[in-house]
Amino acid sequence: PATPDDLVIFQISPSPSGDRLALVTAVSNENWEFSEFELRILDPKSQSVEVHPLSFWTALPLYGIRWSNDSKRLYIRTPDRVLLWEGKGNLVEAKAYPDCFSPSTNFGSLA
């Protein structure tokens, strides 16, 4: 799909298996004000893009996305809740806080 010139990528997270890519995007105006935040899940194999509006999103460090180790679930963290995406379908509230947010970064290793 074509990408508009005013679309900004706020976060990007490849799945551990490498078969999907999750993006948090927003539209910017001429004053660099952001609106219309969306979660986009790209599947390069099928060339599909699944889009979910994120009306609650703010560009702060407390907001984040992380994949589960098996690449089957994507977690969306906000200051007051964690949402869950499991394949095709809507975002639902996670029943437990996932380990993928502890430590708070997915870069490097603690070993």
C-alpha atoms as a PDB file:
ATOM      1  CA  PRO A   1       0.000   0.000   0.000  1.00  0.00           C
ATOM      2  CA  ALA A   2       1.066   3.564  -0.655  1.00  0.00           C
ATOM      3  CA  THR A   3       2.313   5.582   2.291  1.00  0.00           C
ATOM      4  CA  PRO A   4       1.150   9.206   2.538  1.00  0.00           C
ATOM      5  CA  ASP A   5       3.837  11.857   2.900  1.00  0.00           C
ATOM      6  CA  ASP A   6       2.443  13.001   6.225  1.00  0.00           C
ATOM      7  CA  LEU A   7       2.524   9.551   7.881  1.00  0.00           C
ATOM      8  CA  VAL A   8       5.047   9.293  10.736  1.00  0.00           C
ATOM      9  CA  ILE A   9       6.265   6.031  12.297  1.00  0.00           C
ATOM     10  CA  PHE A  10       6.438   6.380  16.094  1.00  0.00           C
ATOM     11  CA  GLN A  11       7.361   2.815  16.998  1.00  0.00           C
ATOM     12  CA  ILE A  12       8.372  -0.234  15.021  1.00  0.00           C
ATOM     13  CA  SER A  13       8.716  -3.787  16.306  1.00  0.00           C
ATOM     14  CA  PRO A  14       9.554  -6.848  14.201  1.00  0.00           C
ATOM     15  CA  SER A  15       8.212 -10.120  15.564  1.00  0.00           C
ATOM     16  CA  PRO A  16      10.885 -12.491  16.943  1.00  0.00           C
ATOM     17  CA  SER A  17      10.108 -14.994  14.175  1.00  0.00           C
ATOM     18  CA  GLY A  18      10.490 -12.286  11.538  1.00  0.00           C
ATOM     19  CA  ASP A  19       7.138 -12.983   9.870  1.00  0.00           C
ATOM     20  CA  ARG A  20       5.338  -9.766  10.947  1.00  0.00           C
ATOM     21  CA  LEU A  21       6.108  -6.144  11.626  1.00  0.00           C
ATOM     22  CA  ALA A  22       4.143  -3.931  14.024  1.00  0.00           C
ATOM     23  CA  LEU A  23       4.104  -0.155  13.576  1.00  0.00           C
ATOM     24  CA  VAL A  24       2.526   2.668  15.535  1.00  0.00           C
ATOM     25  CA  THR A  25       1.908   5.479  13.068  1.00  0.00           C
ATOM     26  CA  ALA A  26       0.359   8.938  13.161  1.00  0.00           C
ATOM     27  CA  VAL A  27      -0.546  11.652  10.703  1.00  0.00           C
ATOM     28  CA  SER A  28       1.272  14.960  11.083  1.00  0.00           C
ATOM     29  CA  ASN A  29       0.289  18.400   9.867  1.00  0.00           C
ATOM     30  CA  GLU A  30       2.457  21.339   8.769  1.00  0.00           C
ATOM     31  CA  ASN A  31       3.069  22.243  12.457  1.00  0.00           C
ATOM     32  CA  TRP A  32       4.243  18.706  13.315  1.00  0.00           C
ATOM     33  CA  GLU A  33       1.173  18.082  15.445  1.00  0.00           C
ATOM     34  CA  PHE A  34       0.209  14.410  15.486  1.00  0.00           C
ATOM     35  CA  SER A  35      -3.215  12.822  15.216  1.00  0.00           C
ATOM     36  CA  GLU A  36      -4.878   9.630  14.010  1.00  0.00           C
ATOM     37  CA  PHE A  37      -2.563   7.182  15.756  1.00  0.00           C
ATOM     38  CA  GLU A  38      -2.874   3.636  14.409  1.00  0.00           C
ATOM     39  CA  LEU A  39      -1.414   0.209  15.044  1.00  0.00           C
ATOM     40  CA  ARG A  40      -0.434  -1.370  11.727  1.00  0.00           C
ATOM     41  CA  ILE A  41       0.523  -5.029  11.546  1.00  0.00           C
ATOM     42  CA  LEU A  42       2.288  -5.905   8.315  1.00  0.00           C
ATOM     43  CA  ASP A  43       2.543  -9.461   7.013  1.00  0.00           C
ATOM     44  CA  PRO A  44       5.090  -9.444   4.158  1.00  0.00           C
ATOM     45  CA  LYS A  45       4.306 -13.033   3.145  1.00  0.00           C
ATOM     46  CA  SER A  46       0.632 -12.340   2.393  1.00  0.00           C
ATOM     47  CA  GLN A  47       1.285  -8.633   1.687  1.00  0.00           C
ATOM     48  CA  SER A  48      -1.543  -7.731   4.074  1.00  0.00           C
ATOM     49  CA  VAL A  49      -1.811  -4.819   6.492  1.00  0.00           C
ATOM     50  CA  GLU A  50      -4.142  -4.960   9.480  1.00  0.00           C
ATOM     51  CA  VAL A  51      -4.969  -1.519  10.932  1.00  0.00           C
ATOM     52  CA  HIS A  52      -6.359  -0.685  14.386  1.00  0.00           C
ATOM     53  CA  PRO A  53      -7.090   2.908  15.496  1.00  0.00           C
ATOM     54  CA  LEU A  54      -5.292   3.912  18.705  1.00  0.00           C
ATOM     55  CA  SER A  55      -7.368   6.896  19.830  1.00  0.00           C
ATOM     56  CA  PHE A  56      -5.786   6.742  23.300  1.00  0.00           C
ATOM     57  CA  TRP A  57      -2.135   6.825  22.109  1.00  0.00           C
ATOM     58  CA  THR A  58       0.276   9.583  23.166  1.00  0.00           C
ATOM     59  CA  ALA A  59       3.927   9.890  22.211  1.00  0.00           C
ATOM     60  CA  LEU A  60       5.267   9.240  25.716  1.00  0.00           C
ATOM     61  CA  PRO A  61       7.712   6.573  26.992  1.00  0.00           C
ATOM     62  CA  LEU A  62       4.940   4.857  28.997  1.00  0.00           C
ATOM     63  CA  TYR A  63       3.336   3.742  25.731  1.00  0.00           C
ATOM     64  CA  GLY A  64       4.886   0.828  23.884  1.00  0.00           C
ATOM     65  CA  ILE A  65       4.470  -2.312  21.796  1.00  0.00           C
ATOM     66  CA  ARG A  66       6.164  -5.690  22.317  1.00  0.00           C
ATOM     67  CA  TRP A  67       5.795  -9.143  20.804  1.00  0.00           C
ATOM     68  CA  SER A  68       5.572 -12.321  22.846  1.00  0.00           C
ATOM     69  CA  ASN A  69       8.585 -14.615  22.475  1.00  0.00           C
ATOM     70  CA  ASP A  70       6.623 -16.986  20.212  1.00  0.00           C
ATOM     71  CA  SER A  71       5.451 -14.107  17.923  1.00  0.00           C
ATOM     72  CA  LYS A  72       1.795 -15.097  18.361  1.00  0.00           C
ATOM     73  CA  ARG A  73       0.739 -12.098  20.472  1.00  0.00           C
ATOM     74  CA  LEU A  74       1.430  -8.383  20.396  1.00  0.00           C
ATOM     75  CA  TYR A  75       1.046  -6.333  23.568  1.00  0.00           C
ATOM     76  CA  ILE A  76       0.222  -2.616  23.555  1.00  0.00           C
ATOM     77  CA  ARG A  77       1.144  -0.858  26.807  1.00  0.00           C
ATOM     78  CA  THR A  78      -0.459   2.339  28.102  1.00  0.00           C
ATOM     79  CA  PRO A  79      -0.064   3.914  31.558  1.00  0.00           C
ATOM     80  CA  ASP A  80      -3.263   2.293  32.865  1.00  0.00           C
ATOM     81  CA  ARG A  81      -3.680  -0.960  30.905  1.00  0.00           C
ATOM     82  CA  VAL A  82      -2.153  -3.468  28.519  1.00  0.00           C
ATOM     83  CA  LEU A  83      -3.995  -4.477  25.361  1.00  0.00           C
ATOM     84  CA  LEU A  84      -3.488  -7.705  23.446  1.00  0.00           C
ATOM     85  CA  TRP A  85      -3.608  -8.612  19.756  1.00  0.00           C
ATOM     86  CA  GLU A  86      -3.720 -12.347  18.922  1.00  0.00           C
ATOM     87  CA  GLY A  87      -3.657 -12.776  15.183  1.00  0.00           C
ATOM     88  CA  LYS A  88      -6.568 -11.393  13.215  1.00  0.00           C
ATOM     89  CA  GLY A  89      -9.135  -9.469  15.195  1.00  0.00           C
ATOM     90  CA  ASN A  90      -9.701  -6.683  17.652  1.00  0.00           C
ATOM     91  CA  LEU A  91      -7.519  -5.515  20.507  1.00  0.00           C
ATOM     92  CA  VAL A  92      -8.632  -6.831  23.897  1.00  0.00           C
ATOM     93  CA  GLU A  93      -7.458  -6.048  27.408  1.00  0.00           C
ATOM     94  CA  ALA A  94      -4.732  -8.439  28.589  1.00  0.00           C
ATOM     95  CA  LYS A  95      -5.584 -10.462  31.679  1.00  0.00           C
ATOM     96  CA  ALA A  96      -2.031 -10.295  33.063  1.00  0.00           C
ATOM     97  CA  TYR A  97       1.002  -8.043  32.703  1.00  0.00           C
ATOM     98  CA  PRO A  98       3.299  -9.707  30.137  1.00  0.00           C
ATOM     99  CA  ASP A  99       6.952 -10.460  30.851  1.00  0.00           C
ATOM    100  CA  CYS A 100       7.975  -8.856  27.558  1.00  0.00           C
ATOM    101  CA  PHE A 101       7.853  -5.387  29.216  1.00  0.00           C
ATOM    102  CA  SER A 102      10.370  -6.368  31.923  1.00  0.00           C
ATOM    103  CA  PRO A 103      13.039  -5.116  31.375  1.00  0.00           C
ATOM    104  CA  SER A 104      11.526  -2.114  29.602  1.00  0.00           C
ATOM    105  CA  THR A 105      13.704  -2.472  26.506  1.00  0.00           C
ATOM    106  CA  ASN A 106      14.052  -5.221  23.917  1.00  0.00           C
ATOM    107  CA  PHE A 107      17.560  -4.127  22.888  1.00  0.00           C
ATOM    108  CA  GLY A 108      20.614  -6.039  24.030  1.00  0.00           C
ATOM    109  CA  SER A 109      20.864  -8.842  26.550  1.00  0.00           C
ATOM    110  CA  LEU A 110      21.095  -9.104  30.290  1.00  0.00           C
ATOM    111  CA  ALA A 111      23.410 -12.131  30.018  1.00  0.00           C
END
